[in-house]
């Protein structure tokens, strides 16, 4: 046997194998070079601080539809860097979510908003006193663009200020959600924001209940809100208590009551209407056919104002509740009110609250005649001793129950 030839054959085979391995390596290297790296999923990128962007991340993510709501919320909390609220997790399947006074802040509100995008059970959401600020308001309005189940929203006392009012009124202007009740008390809204609400609500027919109490609207703001009520065809309940509307604001609102055909409940207590405002209210009540509840407590109305208001009660056929406590009237003004009701056989009044007025025995006797015509009427007034008492409905005799 020729070993030299065998050695040559082995060497040639090794050489061939080496060449093949080299070709394979070159081929692998070519493959690595032509394959592009996998696309980066958008939500994995670090995003700038943007509430709208964060909400869109969750809305577009398949996770919203493939995992439980609790998982979505927990992921949202990680995204914004806040501690999850256990109460929210425990109750996200209930219809009423009460997160008042939970210290959420804008980021905590953002996490809640992300989770609520896909929630279909909560219809009433309360977030009062959480310092949500402008950013929190933006997150909530963005959420409401997607969620058509929430109908009642309370974001009172959240330091929204004018920027927050702009965000909310822009949303209301679109008039596309299922929201029909919104509470915005105590958010430092002033006359600059009144025009925003005016523009939004003149064409919005969805909102039925609006609470703007404890804000900073003055006469100018009252005038603008009055103009809004002339054209609005949706509001049924409006709370403007604890503002500073004063006379001009009162006149504008009262003018709107002469033509508005939807408003049923109006609270304008603590607004310094004065006697001229009371006269404007009386004139409005002569022709208004929808208002059933009116609160004008603490509005600087004395006997003169009570007498002027009474002129409207002589003709009004829809008002059921009239609250007038904490006004500086005496028994004379109180008597004029109840006698005005006596003159109106079509009056539907069920309650007159003048609880701070100290009355006389003559006043009590006069009430007997009023109750004979209107046995459904209650009159709440103050005794001579200063305790509060309530007259009981009776067509024959008056019984007084001491309550304080």
Protein backbone atom coordinates (compact mmCIF):
# COMPACT_ATOMS: atom_id res chain seq x y z
CA UNK A 1 0.00 0.00 0.00
CA UNK A 2 1.24 3.51 -0.86
CA UNK A 3 0.90 5.49 2.34
CA UNK A 4 2.12 8.66 0.70
CA UNK A 5 -0.85 8.61 -1.68
CA UNK A 6 -3.24 8.00 1.21
CA UNK A 7 -1.75 10.90 3.08
CA UNK A 8 -2.22 13.08 0.04
CA UNK A 9 -5.88 11.98 -0.24
CA UNK A 10 -6.52 12.77 3.42
CA UNK A 11 -4.91 16.15 3.05
CA UNK A 12 -7.04 16.89 0.03
CA UNK A 13 -10.23 15.87 1.88
CA UNK A 14 -9.32 18.08 4.85
CA UNK A 15 -8.64 20.92 2.49
CA UNK A 16 -12.03 20.41 0.82
CA UNK A 17 -13.82 20.33 4.22
CA UNK A 18 -12.01 23.49 5.29
CA UNK A 19 -13.05 25.24 2.10
CA UNK A 20 -16.69 24.13 2.64
CA UNK A 21 -16.66 25.35 6.26
CA UNK A 22 -15.26 28.67 5.17
CA UNK A 23 -17.98 28.99 2.52
CA UNK A 24 -20.64 28.17 5.16
CA UNK A 25 -19.21 30.79 7.51
CA UNK A 26 -19.19 33.33 4.73
CA UNK A 27 -22.79 32.44 3.94
CA UNK A 28 -23.88 32.81 7.58
CA UNK A 29 -22.12 36.10 7.79
CA UNK A 30 -23.94 37.29 4.72
CA UNK A 31 -27.30 36.34 6.28
CA UNK A 32 -26.57 38.25 9.45
CA UNK A 33 -25.69 41.29 7.43
CA UNK A 34 -28.92 41.40 5.42
CA UNK A 35 -31.43 40.72 8.23
CA UNK A 36 -32.77 43.96 9.77
CA UNK A 37 -33.23 44.25 13.54
CA UNK A 38 -36.79 43.74 14.85
CA UNK A 39 -38.98 46.83 14.90
CA UNK A 40 -39.16 48.59 18.23
CA UNK A 41 -42.70 48.57 19.65
CA UNK A 42 -43.78 52.17 20.16
CA UNK A 43 -44.94 51.73 23.75
CA UNK A 44 -41.48 50.45 24.79
CA UNK A 45 -39.86 53.76 23.90
CA UNK A 46 -39.36 56.36 26.54
CA UNK A 47 -42.02 58.98 25.91
CA UNK A 48 -42.02 62.64 26.95
CA UNK A 49 -44.45 63.69 29.66
CA UNK A 50 -47.72 63.85 27.74
CA UNK A 51 -51.10 62.78 29.07
CA UNK A 52 -52.60 62.48 25.63
CA UNK A 53 -49.70 60.33 24.43
CA UNK A 54 -49.87 58.01 27.44
CA UNK A 55 -53.58 57.45 26.96
CA UNK A 56 -53.07 56.72 23.27
CA UNK A 57 -50.41 54.15 24.14
CA UNK A 58 -52.88 52.22 26.24
CA UNK A 59 -55.78 52.67 23.84
CA UNK A 60 -53.76 51.28 20.92
CA UNK A 61 -52.26 48.44 22.94
CA UNK A 62 -53.70 44.95 22.55
CA UNK A 63 -53.18 44.51 26.27
CA UNK A 64 -56.26 46.64 26.91
CA UNK A 65 -58.36 43.95 25.30
CA UNK A 66 -56.44 40.81 26.26
CA UNK A 67 -55.81 41.27 29.99
CA UNK A 68 -58.00 42.10 32.96
CA UNK A 69 -58.75 45.67 33.95
CA UNK A 70 -56.69 45.28 37.10
CA UNK A 71 -53.63 44.37 35.04
CA UNK A 72 -54.17 47.37 32.78
CA UNK A 73 -54.40 49.67 35.80
CA UNK A 74 -51.30 48.19 37.46
CA UNK A 75 -49.34 48.61 34.25
CA UNK A 76 -50.60 52.19 33.96
CA UNK A 77 -49.39 52.90 37.50
CA UNK A 78 -45.94 51.61 36.56
CA UNK A 79 -46.01 53.72 33.43
CA UNK A 80 -46.68 56.98 35.28
CA UNK A 81 -44.85 56.05 38.48
CA UNK A 82 -47.57 56.03 41.14
CA UNK A 83 -48.76 53.61 43.81
CA UNK A 84 -52.00 51.81 42.84
CA UNK A 85 -55.17 52.71 44.74
CA UNK A 86 -56.56 49.52 46.26
CA UNK A 87 -60.09 50.95 46.51
CA UNK A 88 -60.15 51.50 42.76
CA UNK A 89 -59.04 47.91 42.11
CA UNK A 90 -61.66 46.48 44.46
CA UNK A 91 -64.53 48.49 42.99
CA UNK A 92 -63.81 48.82 39.28
CA UNK A 93 -66.73 46.50 38.52
CA UNK A 94 -69.23 48.72 40.40
CA UNK A 95 -71.33 51.40 38.75
CA UNK A 96 -70.37 54.12 41.27
CA UNK A 97 -66.68 54.89 41.80
CA UNK A 98 -66.02 57.27 44.69
CA UNK A 99 -62.39 58.39 44.84
CA UNK A 100 -63.00 61.70 46.60
CA UNK A 101 -60.15 62.90 48.84
CA UNK A 102 -57.72 60.15 47.79
CA UNK A 103 -54.76 62.43 47.03
CA UNK A 104 -54.40 61.14 43.48
CA UNK A 105 -52.67 64.14 41.99
CA UNK A 106 -52.37 64.52 38.20
CA UNK A 107 -50.32 61.33 37.70
CA UNK A 108 -52.64 59.18 39.79
CA UNK A 109 -55.57 60.59 37.83
CA UNK A 110 -53.79 59.74 34.60
CA UNK A 111 -53.41 56.10 35.68
CA UNK A 112 -57.11 55.96 36.57
CA UNK A 113 -58.01 57.47 33.20
CA UNK A 114 -55.93 54.89 31.31
CA UNK A 115 -57.72 52.06 33.10
CA UNK A 116 -61.14 53.59 32.49
CA UNK A 117 -60.73 53.76 28.73
CA UNK A 118 -61.96 50.16 28.44
CA UNK A 119 -64.20 50.08 31.53
CA UNK A 120 -67.86 49.42 30.76
CA UNK A 121 -69.39 49.27 34.25
CA UNK A 122 -68.66 52.61 35.95
CA UNK A 123 -71.30 55.22 35.15
CA UNK A 124 -70.65 57.65 38.01
CA UNK A 125 -67.10 58.84 38.76
CA UNK A 126 -66.25 61.07 41.73
CA UNK A 127 -62.78 62.60 42.01
CA UNK A 128 -63.39 65.61 44.24
CA UNK A 129 -60.44 67.14 46.12
CA UNK A 130 -57.56 65.27 44.48
CA UNK A 131 -55.38 68.14 43.17
CA UNK A 132 -55.71 66.77 39.65
CA UNK A 133 -54.77 70.13 38.13
CA UNK A 134 -54.79 70.87 34.40
CA UNK A 135 -52.92 67.64 33.55
CA UNK A 136 -55.47 65.48 35.32
CA UNK A 137 -58.33 67.24 33.57
CA UNK A 138 -56.66 66.61 30.22
CA UNK A 139 -56.30 62.89 30.98
CA UNK A 140 -59.97 62.61 31.98
CA UNK A 141 -61.28 64.41 28.91
CA UNK A 142 -59.07 62.26 26.68
CA UNK A 143 -60.49 59.18 28.38
CA UNK A 144 -64.06 60.37 27.83
CA UNK A 145 -63.36 60.53 24.11
CA UNK A 146 -63.17 56.72 24.23
CA UNK A 147 -65.42 55.82 27.18
CA UNK A 148 -69.15 56.16 26.45
CA UNK A 149 -70.34 54.65 29.72
CA UNK A 150 -69.51 57.36 32.27
CA UNK A 151 -72.52 59.65 32.65
CA UNK A 152 -71.80 61.59 35.87
CA UNK A 153 -68.48 63.22 36.75
CA UNK A 154 -67.51 65.10 39.91
CA UNK A 155 -64.15 66.92 39.74
CA UNK A 156 -64.92 69.72 42.19
CA UNK A 157 -62.17 71.36 44.27
CA UNK A 158 -59.26 70.25 42.10
CA UNK A 159 -57.46 73.54 41.36
CA UNK A 160 -58.28 73.40 37.66
CA UNK A 161 -58.13 77.18 37.15
CA UNK A 162 -58.55 78.74 33.69
CA UNK A 163 -56.40 76.17 31.80
CA UNK A 164 -58.52 73.35 33.20
CA UNK A 165 -61.71 75.20 32.28
CA UNK A 166 -60.44 75.53 28.70
CA UNK A 167 -59.82 71.78 28.46
CA UNK A 168 -63.26 70.93 29.84
CA UNK A 169 -65.21 73.44 27.76
CA UNK A 170 -63.41 72.37 24.58
CA UNK A 171 -64.58 68.84 25.34
CA UNK A 172 -68.13 69.98 26.07
CA UNK A 173 -68.16 71.93 22.84
CA UNK A 174 -67.73 68.68 20.90
CA UNK A 175 -70.92 67.33 22.52
CA UNK A 176 -70.03 63.69 21.75
CA UNK A 177 -69.91 61.84 25.09
CA UNK A 178 -72.57 60.23 27.27
CA UNK A 179 -71.85 62.70 30.08
CA UNK A 180 -74.98 64.45 31.37
CA UNK A 181 -73.88 65.61 34.84
CA UNK A 182 -70.67 67.45 35.71
CA UNK A 183 -69.71 69.03 39.05
CA UNK A 184 -67.02 71.71 38.89
CA UNK A 185 -67.44 73.54 42.20
CA UNK A 186 -64.49 75.30 43.82
CA UNK A 187 -62.04 75.29 40.89
CA UNK A 188 -61.10 78.99 40.86
CA UNK A 189 -63.08 79.68 37.68
CA UNK A 190 -63.50 83.42 37.10
CA UNK A 191 -65.05 85.76 34.54
CA UNK A 192 -62.41 84.83 31.96
CA UNK A 193 -63.74 81.28 31.95
CA UNK A 194 -67.43 82.28 31.91
CA UNK A 195 -67.29 82.95 28.17
CA UNK A 196 -65.77 79.49 27.64
CA UNK A 197 -68.73 77.86 29.38
CA UNK A 198 -71.08 80.13 27.51
CA UNK A 199 -69.69 79.08 24.12
CA UNK A 200 -69.68 75.39 25.02
CA UNK A 201 -73.15 75.19 26.54
CA UNK A 202 -75.04 77.31 24.04
CA UNK A 203 -74.86 74.38 21.63
CA UNK A 204 -74.50 71.45 24.07
CA UNK A 205 -77.74 69.60 24.71
CA UNK A 206 -76.21 66.63 26.55
CA UNK A 207 -75.38 68.26 29.88
CA UNK A 208 -78.42 68.25 32.16
CA UNK A 209 -76.74 69.01 35.51
CA UNK A 210 -74.00 71.64 35.96
CA UNK A 211 -72.45 72.70 39.28
CA UNK A 212 -70.31 75.86 39.14
CA UNK A 213 -70.76 76.84 42.78
CA UNK A 214 -67.99 78.20 45.03
CA UNK A 215 -66.12 79.78 42.13
CA UNK A 216 -65.19 83.39 41.38
CA UNK A 217 -67.76 84.55 38.83
CA UNK A 218 -68.73 88.18 39.31
CA UNK A 219 -71.24 90.41 37.49
CA UNK A 220 -69.58 90.00 34.09
CA UNK A 221 -69.52 86.24 34.45
CA UNK A 222 -73.12 86.23 35.57
CA UNK A 223 -74.14 88.22 32.51
CA UNK A 224 -72.43 85.75 30.19
CA UNK A 225 -73.94 82.72 31.92
CA UNK A 226 -77.31 84.38 31.64
CA UNK A 227 -76.83 84.78 27.89
CA UNK A 228 -75.97 81.09 27.71
CA UNK A 229 -79.25 80.12 29.37
CA UNK A 230 -81.20 82.00 26.73
CA UNK A 231 -79.99 79.63 24.02
CA UNK A 232 -79.26 76.46 25.98
CA UNK A 233 -81.80 73.68 25.50
CA UNK A 234 -80.35 70.99 27.74
CA UNK A 235 -79.65 72.19 31.29
CA UNK A 236 -82.20 71.16 33.89
CA UNK A 237 -80.16 71.84 37.06
CA UNK A 238 -77.76 74.77 37.53
CA UNK A 239 -75.89 75.56 40.74
CA UNK A 240 -74.25 79.00 40.85
CA UNK A 241 -74.28 79.44 44.62
CA UNK A 242 -71.39 81.10 46.46
CA UNK A 243 -70.23 83.30 43.59
CA UNK A 244 -70.40 87.10 43.30
CA UNK A 245 -72.98 87.64 40.57
CA UNK A 246 -74.50 90.71 42.23
CA UNK A 247 -77.13 92.87 40.50
CA UNK A 248 -76.02 92.75 36.84
CA UNK A 249 -75.51 89.01 36.99
CA UNK A 250 -78.91 88.65 38.67
CA UNK A 251 -80.66 90.70 36.00
CA UNK A 252 -79.10 88.65 33.19
CA UNK A 253 -80.04 85.33 34.78
CA UNK A 254 -83.58 86.50 35.51
CA UNK A 255 -84.00 87.67 31.94
CA UNK A 256 -82.98 84.21 30.74
CA UNK A 257 -85.64 82.62 32.97
CA UNK A 258 -88.30 84.44 31.00
CA UNK A 259 -87.38 82.50 27.84
CA UNK A 260 -85.57 79.36 28.98
CA UNK A 261 -87.80 76.28 28.71
CA UNK A 262 -85.69 73.49 30.24
CA UNK A 263 -84.24 74.66 33.58
CA UNK A 264 -86.03 73.13 36.57
CA UNK A 265 -83.61 73.61 39.50
CA UNK A 266 -81.67 76.84 40.12
CA UNK A 267 -79.46 77.60 43.12
CA UNK A 268 -78.20 81.19 43.24
CA UNK A 269 -77.82 81.48 47.01
CA UNK A 270 -75.02 83.67 48.42
CA UNK A 271 -74.78 85.99 45.41
CA UNK A 272 -75.94 89.40 46.69
CA UNK A 273 -78.92 89.84 44.35
CA UNK A 274 -80.48 92.53 46.55
CA UNK A 275 -84.03 93.86 46.26
CA UNK A 276 -83.67 94.75 42.58
CA UNK A 277 -82.59 91.22 41.85
CA UNK A 278 -85.63 89.99 43.78
CA UNK A 279 -87.89 92.15 41.63
CA UNK A 280 -86.29 90.72 38.48
CA UNK A 281 -86.89 87.22 39.85
CA UNK A 282 -90.51 88.08 40.57
CA UNK A 283 -91.01 89.34 37.03
CA UNK A 284 -89.43 86.16 35.65
CA UNK A 285 -91.63 83.91 37.80
CA UNK A 286 -94.73 85.53 36.31
CA UNK A 287 -93.95 83.99 32.92
CA UNK A 288 -91.58 81.08 33.61
CA UNK A 289 -93.29 77.71 33.21
CA UNK A 290 -90.54 75.18 34.02
CA UNK A 291 -88.69 76.18 37.21
CA UNK A 292 -89.70 73.99 40.17
CA UNK A 293 -86.87 74.67 42.68
CA UNK A 294 -85.36 78.07 43.51
CA UNK A 295 -82.79 78.78 46.21
CA UNK A 296 -82.14 82.49 46.84
CA UNK A 297 -80.93 82.16 50.41
CA UNK A 298 -78.56 84.85 51.72
CA UNK A 299 -79.04 87.35 48.92
CA UNK A 300 -79.61 90.54 50.93
CA UNK A 301 -83.39 90.54 50.39
CA UNK A 302 -85.31 92.55 52.96
CA UNK A 303 -89.07 93.14 53.22
CA UNK A 304 -89.10 95.21 50.04
CA UNK A 305 -87.46 92.38 48.10
CA UNK A 306 -89.86 89.82 49.59
CA UNK A 307 -92.88 91.88 48.54
CA UNK A 308 -91.53 92.24 44.97
CA UNK A 309 -90.79 88.54 44.74
CA UNK A 310 -94.29 87.80 46.00
CA UNK A 311 -95.77 89.49 42.92
CA UNK A 312 -94.32 86.68 40.86
CA UNK A 313 -95.68 84.02 43.22
CA UNK A 314 -99.19 85.35 42.65
CA UNK A 315 -99.04 84.13 39.04
CA UNK A 316 -96.51 81.29 38.97
CA UNK A 317 -97.89 77.77 38.47
CA UNK A 318 -94.79 75.53 38.50
CA UNK A 319 -92.53 76.47 41.45
CA UNK A 320 -92.62 73.85 44.22
CA UNK A 321 -89.66 74.71 46.50
CA UNK A 322 -88.61 78.25 47.49
CA UNK A 323 -85.66 78.63 49.84
CA UNK A 324 -85.15 82.14 51.23
CA UNK A 325 -83.41 81.65 54.56
CA UNK A 326 -80.67 83.98 55.84
CA UNK A 327 -82.16 87.07 54.21
CA UNK A 328 -82.72 90.19 56.38
CA UNK A 329 -86.52 90.19 56.15
CA UNK A 330 -88.89 90.41 59.07
CA UNK A 331 -92.33 88.94 59.71
CA UNK A 332 -93.80 91.65 57.48
CA UNK A 333 -91.94 90.40 54.42
CA UNK A 334 -92.65 86.77 55.35
CA UNK A 335 -96.37 87.50 55.62
CA UNK A 336 -96.44 89.14 52.20
CA UNK A 337 -94.93 86.01 50.69
CA UNK A 338 -97.47 83.57 52.12
CA UNK A 339 -100.39 85.86 51.31
CA UNK A 340 -99.15 86.02 47.70
CA UNK A 341 -99.41 82.25 47.56
CA UNK A 342 -102.90 82.44 49.05
CA UNK A 343 -104.00 84.67 46.18
CA UNK A 344 -102.81 82.12 43.61
CA UNK A 345 -105.20 79.17 43.52
CA UNK A 346 -103.01 77.49 40.89
CA UNK A 347 -99.82 77.70 42.94
CA UNK A 348 -97.98 74.39 43.32
CA UNK A 349 -95.68 75.49 46.11
CA UNK A 350 -94.90 72.73 48.60
CA UNK A 351 -92.25 74.45 50.71
CA UNK A 352 -91.22 77.98 51.64
CA UNK A 353 -88.10 78.16 53.79
CA UNK A 354 -87.71 81.39 55.77
CA UNK A 355 -86.17 79.64 58.77
CA UNK A 356 -84.36 82.68 60.18
CA UNK A 357 -87.49 84.88 60.38
CA UNK A 358 -88.97 85.32 63.87
CA UNK A 359 -92.74 85.32 63.48
CA UNK A 360 -95.74 86.45 65.53
CA UNK A 361 -98.98 84.79 66.53
CA UNK A 362 -100.75 86.87 63.90
CA UNK A 363 -98.51 85.33 61.23
CA UNK A 364 -99.40 81.83 62.47
CA UNK A 365 -103.12 82.66 62.30
CA UNK A 366 -102.76 83.95 58.76
CA UNK A 367 -101.13 80.65 57.79
CA UNK A 368 -104.35 78.84 58.71
CA UNK A 369 -106.09 80.53 55.80
CA UNK A 370 -103.18 79.77 53.44
CA UNK A 371 -103.19 76.09 54.38
CA UNK A 372 -106.94 75.88 53.85
CA UNK A 373 -106.37 76.77 50.17
CA UNK A 374 -103.01 74.97 49.84
CA UNK A 375 -102.94 72.03 52.24
CA UNK A 376 -99.82 70.68 50.51
CA UNK A 377 -97.73 73.70 51.55
CA UNK A 378 -95.11 73.64 54.33
CA UNK A 379 -93.64 76.85 55.72
CA UNK A 380 -90.40 76.65 57.68
CA UNK A 381 -89.84 79.67 59.92
CA UNK A 382 -88.19 80.70 63.17
CA UNK A 383 -89.99 80.95 66.49
CA UNK A 384 -89.78 84.02 68.67
CA UNK A 385 -87.34 82.14 70.88
CA UNK A 386 -85.10 81.58 67.89
CA UNK A 387 -85.63 77.83 67.49
CA UNK A 388 -86.46 76.43 64.09
CA UNK A 389 -89.89 74.96 63.60
CA UNK A 390 -91.89 73.50 60.78
CA UNK A 391 -95.57 74.01 60.14
CA UNK A 392 -97.51 70.85 59.46
CA UNK A 393 -99.91 70.72 56.53
CA UNK A 394 -103.47 71.02 57.78
CA UNK A 395 -106.52 72.70 56.25
CA UNK A 396 -108.13 73.19 59.65
CA UNK A 397 -105.49 73.94 62.24
CA UNK A 398 -101.78 74.64 62.52
CA UNK A 399 -99.55 72.43 64.59
CA UNK A 400 -95.97 73.52 65.25
CA UNK A 401 -93.23 70.94 65.71
CA UNK A 402 -90.05 72.17 67.34
CA UNK A 403 -86.93 70.96 65.59
CA UNK A 404 -84.26 72.88 67.40
